[in-house]
Amino acid sequence: MNPTPNPSTTCGGVWHAKHLRRTGRPEETLRITEENARVTRDDAELVNQCHRMLGDLYADKGNRYPARSHYDDAVRVAHNITRE
């Protein structure tokens, strides 16, 4: 088994998570995306993408409430980006 690369503070970590999701590895995607969200706190665009991905992942699993919470966070962050 190949080790999963560490998430990064660049969009590479988000792209890696998107790849994992597309290749049917939701648990790895969730782990990587949560870590990306934690380490990219200072980059609003990446935080926005992480919340959107987390919303998608929870929605895929049928977990409406955490999905909605992440989508709401993504929208809030996006609004702040456009105001800057």
N, C-alpha and C. Protein backbone atom coordinates (compact mmCIF):
# COMPACT_ATOMS: atom_id res chain seq x y z
N MET A 1 0.83 -1.18 0.00
CA MET A 1 0.00 0.00 0.00
C MET A 1 0.87 1.24 0.00
N ASN A 2 0.58 2.18 -0.88
CA ASN A 2 1.34 3.42 -0.97
C ASN A 2 0.90 4.38 0.13
N PRO A 3 1.86 5.00 0.81
CA PRO A 3 1.46 5.97 1.83
C PRO A 3 0.82 7.19 1.18
N THR A 4 -0.15 7.76 1.86
CA THR A 4 -0.81 8.97 1.37
C THR A 4 0.06 10.16 1.69
N PRO A 5 0.32 11.04 0.70
CA PRO A 5 1.14 12.22 0.98
C PRO A 5 0.49 13.10 2.04
N ASN A 6 1.34 13.81 2.77
CA ASN A 6 0.83 14.74 3.77
C ASN A 6 0.11 15.88 3.06
N PRO A 7 -0.97 16.36 3.66
CA PRO A 7 -1.64 17.51 3.06
C PRO A 7 -0.72 18.72 3.12
N SER A 8 -0.94 19.63 2.22
CA SER A 8 -0.09 20.82 2.20
C SER A 8 -0.94 22.07 2.32
N THR A 9 -0.25 23.18 2.48
CA THR A 9 -0.96 24.44 2.60
C THR A 9 -1.17 25.09 1.24
N THR A 10 -0.93 24.35 0.18
CA THR A 10 -1.18 24.86 -1.17
C THR A 10 -2.39 24.14 -1.74
N CYS A 11 -2.77 24.57 -2.92
CA CYS A 11 -3.93 23.94 -3.55
C CYS A 11 -3.64 22.48 -3.90
N GLY A 12 -2.38 22.05 -3.85
CA GLY A 12 -2.06 20.65 -4.11
C GLY A 12 -2.77 19.70 -3.17
N GLY A 13 -2.92 20.08 -1.92
CA GLY A 13 -3.64 19.25 -0.96
C GLY A 13 -5.11 19.11 -1.31
N VAL A 14 -5.71 20.20 -1.80
CA VAL A 14 -7.11 20.18 -2.22
C VAL A 14 -7.26 19.33 -3.47
N TRP A 15 -6.34 19.49 -4.42
CA TRP A 15 -6.38 18.67 -5.65
C TRP A 15 -6.24 17.20 -5.31
N HIS A 16 -5.36 16.89 -4.37
CA HIS A 16 -5.17 15.49 -3.96
C HIS A 16 -6.47 14.93 -3.38
N ALA A 17 -7.14 15.72 -2.56
CA ALA A 17 -8.41 15.28 -1.98
C ALA A 17 -9.46 15.06 -3.07
N LYS A 18 -9.51 15.95 -4.06
CA LYS A 18 -10.45 15.78 -5.16
C LYS A 18 -10.17 14.49 -5.91
N HIS A 19 -8.90 14.19 -6.13
CA HIS A 19 -8.52 12.94 -6.79
C HIS A 19 -8.98 11.73 -5.98
N LEU A 20 -8.73 11.77 -4.69
CA LEU A 20 -9.14 10.65 -3.83
C LEU A 20 -10.65 10.44 -3.89
N ARG A 21 -11.40 11.53 -3.88
CA ARG A 21 -12.86 11.41 -3.94
C ARG A 21 -13.30 10.80 -5.27
N ARG A 22 -12.71 11.26 -6.36
CA ARG A 22 -13.08 10.74 -7.68
C ARG A 22 -12.71 9.27 -7.86
N THR A 23 -11.71 8.82 -7.12
CA THR A 23 -11.29 7.43 -7.25
C THR A 23 -11.91 6.53 -6.18
N GLY A 24 -12.94 7.04 -5.52
CA GLY A 24 -13.71 6.21 -4.60
C GLY A 24 -13.07 5.93 -3.27
N ARG A 25 -12.34 6.89 -2.73
CA ARG A 25 -11.70 6.70 -1.42
C ARG A 25 -12.19 7.79 -0.45
N PRO A 26 -13.46 7.70 -0.06
CA PRO A 26 -14.05 8.78 0.74
C PRO A 26 -13.42 8.94 2.12
N GLU A 27 -13.02 7.87 2.76
CA GLU A 27 -12.44 8.01 4.11
C GLU A 27 -11.10 8.72 4.06
N GLU A 28 -10.27 8.38 3.07
CA GLU A 28 -9.00 9.09 2.90
C GLU A 28 -9.25 10.55 2.56
N THR A 29 -10.25 10.78 1.70
CA THR A 29 -10.58 12.15 1.30
C THR A 29 -11.00 12.96 2.52
N LEU A 30 -11.81 12.38 3.37
CA LEU A 30 -12.27 13.07 4.57
C LEU A 30 -11.08 13.41 5.47
N ARG A 31 -10.20 12.46 5.68
CA ARG A 31 -9.03 12.68 6.54
C ARG A 31 -8.14 13.79 5.98
N ILE A 32 -7.83 13.72 4.70
CA ILE A 32 -6.97 14.71 4.06
C ILE A 32 -7.63 16.10 4.08
N THR A 33 -8.92 16.14 3.79
CA THR A 33 -9.61 17.44 3.72
C THR A 33 -9.72 18.08 5.10
N GLU A 34 -9.99 17.29 6.13
CA GLU A 34 -10.03 17.85 7.48
C GLU A 34 -8.67 18.41 7.87
N GLU A 35 -7.60 17.69 7.52
CA GLU A 35 -6.25 18.17 7.82
C GLU A 35 -5.94 19.43 7.01
N ASN A 36 -6.31 19.42 5.73
CA ASN A 36 -6.10 20.62 4.91
C ASN A 36 -6.81 21.83 5.51
N ALA A 37 -8.05 21.65 5.95
CA ALA A 37 -8.81 22.75 6.54
C ALA A 37 -8.10 23.28 7.79
N ARG A 38 -7.51 22.37 8.54
CA ARG A 38 -6.81 22.78 9.77
C ARG A 38 -5.54 23.57 9.45
N VAL A 39 -4.77 23.13 8.48
CA VAL A 39 -3.48 23.77 8.22
C VAL A 39 -3.56 24.96 7.29
N THR A 40 -4.70 25.17 6.62
CA THR A 40 -4.82 26.29 5.68
C THR A 40 -5.68 27.41 6.23
N ARG A 41 -5.80 27.51 7.52
CA ARG A 41 -6.68 28.51 8.14
C ARG A 41 -6.45 29.93 7.64
N ASP A 42 -5.22 30.25 7.24
CA ASP A 42 -4.91 31.62 6.83
C ASP A 42 -5.18 31.90 5.35
N ASP A 43 -5.60 30.89 4.60
CA ASP A 43 -5.88 31.07 3.18
C ASP A 43 -7.37 30.83 2.95
N ALA A 44 -8.11 31.92 2.86
CA ALA A 44 -9.57 31.84 2.81
C ALA A 44 -10.07 31.01 1.62
N GLU A 45 -9.41 31.14 0.47
CA GLU A 45 -9.87 30.39 -0.70
C GLU A 45 -9.73 28.89 -0.49
N LEU A 46 -8.62 28.47 0.13
CA LEU A 46 -8.44 27.04 0.40
C LEU A 46 -9.38 26.55 1.48
N VAL A 47 -9.61 27.37 2.50
CA VAL A 47 -10.57 27.01 3.55
C VAL A 47 -11.95 26.83 2.93
N ASN A 48 -12.32 27.73 2.02
CA ASN A 48 -13.60 27.64 1.34
C ASN A 48 -13.71 26.31 0.58
N GLN A 49 -12.67 25.95 -0.17
CA GLN A 49 -12.69 24.70 -0.92
C GLN A 49 -12.77 23.49 0.00
N CYS A 50 -12.09 23.56 1.13
CA CYS A 50 -12.14 22.44 2.09
C CYS A 50 -13.55 22.27 2.64
N HIS A 51 -14.20 23.37 3.01
CA HIS A 51 -15.55 23.27 3.55
C HIS A 51 -16.53 22.74 2.50
N ARG A 52 -16.35 23.17 1.25
CA ARG A 52 -17.22 22.66 0.19
C ARG A 52 -17.02 21.16 0.00
N MET A 53 -15.76 20.73 0.02
CA MET A 53 -15.46 19.30 -0.13
C MET A 53 -16.03 18.52 1.05
N LEU A 54 -15.87 19.04 2.26
CA LEU A 54 -16.43 18.35 3.43
C LEU A 54 -17.94 18.26 3.34
N GLY A 55 -18.58 19.34 2.86
CA GLY A 55 -20.02 19.29 2.65
C GLY A 55 -20.40 18.21 1.66
N ASP A 56 -19.66 18.12 0.56
CA ASP A 56 -19.92 17.08 -0.44
C ASP A 56 -19.76 15.68 0.15
N LEU A 57 -18.70 15.50 0.92
CA LEU A 57 -18.44 14.17 1.51
C LEU A 57 -19.54 13.75 2.47
N TYR A 58 -19.96 14.66 3.33
CA TYR A 58 -21.03 14.33 4.26
C TYR A 58 -22.35 14.12 3.53
N ALA A 59 -22.60 14.91 2.49
CA ALA A 59 -23.83 14.73 1.70
C ALA A 59 -23.81 13.37 1.01
N ASP A 60 -22.66 12.96 0.49
CA ASP A 60 -22.53 11.64 -0.14
C ASP A 60 -22.91 10.52 0.82
N LYS A 61 -22.58 10.71 2.10
CA LYS A 61 -22.88 9.70 3.12
C LYS A 61 -24.30 9.82 3.67
N GLY A 62 -25.04 10.84 3.21
CA GLY A 62 -26.40 11.04 3.68
C GLY A 62 -26.49 11.79 5.00
N ASN A 63 -25.41 12.40 5.42
CA ASN A 63 -25.39 13.17 6.68
C ASN A 63 -25.69 14.63 6.37
N ARG A 64 -26.98 14.95 6.34
CA ARG A 64 -27.43 16.27 5.91
C ARG A 64 -26.95 17.41 6.79
N TYR A 65 -27.00 17.23 8.10
CA TYR A 65 -26.71 18.35 9.00
C TYR A 65 -25.24 18.77 8.98
N PRO A 66 -24.30 17.83 9.08
CA PRO A 66 -22.91 18.29 8.96
C PRO A 66 -22.61 18.82 7.55
N ALA A 67 -23.25 18.23 6.53
CA ALA A 67 -23.05 18.72 5.17
C ALA A 67 -23.51 20.17 5.08
N ARG A 68 -24.69 20.44 5.58
CA ARG A 68 -25.23 21.81 5.53
C ARG A 68 -24.34 22.79 6.29
N SER A 69 -23.83 22.36 7.42
CA SER A 69 -22.96 23.22 8.22
C SER A 69 -21.70 23.59 7.43
N HIS A 70 -21.11 22.62 6.74
CA HIS A 70 -19.90 22.91 5.95
C HIS A 70 -20.23 23.78 4.74
N TYR A 71 -21.37 23.53 4.09
CA TYR A 71 -21.78 24.39 2.98
C TYR A 71 -22.00 25.82 3.47
N ASP A 72 -22.64 25.98 4.62
CA ASP A 72 -22.84 27.31 5.20
C ASP A 72 -21.51 28.00 5.48
N ASP A 73 -20.55 27.23 6.03
CA ASP A 73 -19.22 27.79 6.29
C ASP A 73 -18.54 28.20 4.98
N ALA A 74 -18.68 27.39 3.94
CA ALA A 74 -18.08 27.71 2.65
C ALA A 74 -18.67 29.01 2.10
N VAL A 75 -19.97 29.18 2.22
CA VAL A 75 -20.62 30.41 1.74
C VAL A 75 -20.15 31.60 2.56
N ARG A 76 -20.07 31.44 3.89
CA ARG A 76 -19.61 32.53 4.75
C ARG A 76 -18.19 32.96 4.37
N VAL A 77 -17.31 32.00 4.17
CA VAL A 77 -15.93 32.30 3.79
C VAL A 77 -15.89 32.98 2.43
N ALA A 78 -16.70 32.49 1.49
CA ALA A 78 -16.74 33.09 0.14
C ALA A 78 -17.19 34.54 0.20
N HIS A 79 -18.18 34.82 1.02
CA HIS A 79 -18.65 36.21 1.16
C HIS A 79 -17.54 37.09 1.71
N ASN A 80 -16.77 36.56 2.65
CA ASN A 80 -15.66 37.34 3.21
C ASN A 80 -14.56 37.56 2.18
N ILE A 81 -14.33 36.59 1.29
CA ILE A 81 -13.32 36.74 0.24
C ILE A 81 -13.71 37.89 -0.69
N THR A 82 -14.97 37.93 -1.06
CA THR A 82 -15.41 38.96 -2.02
C THR A 82 -15.44 40.35 -1.40
N ARG A 83 -15.47 40.43 -0.09
CA ARG A 83 -15.48 41.74 0.59
C ARG A 83 -14.07 42.30 0.78
N GLU A 84 -13.08 41.46 0.65
CA GLU A 84 -11.71 41.91 0.91
C GLU A 84 -11.15 42.70 -0.23
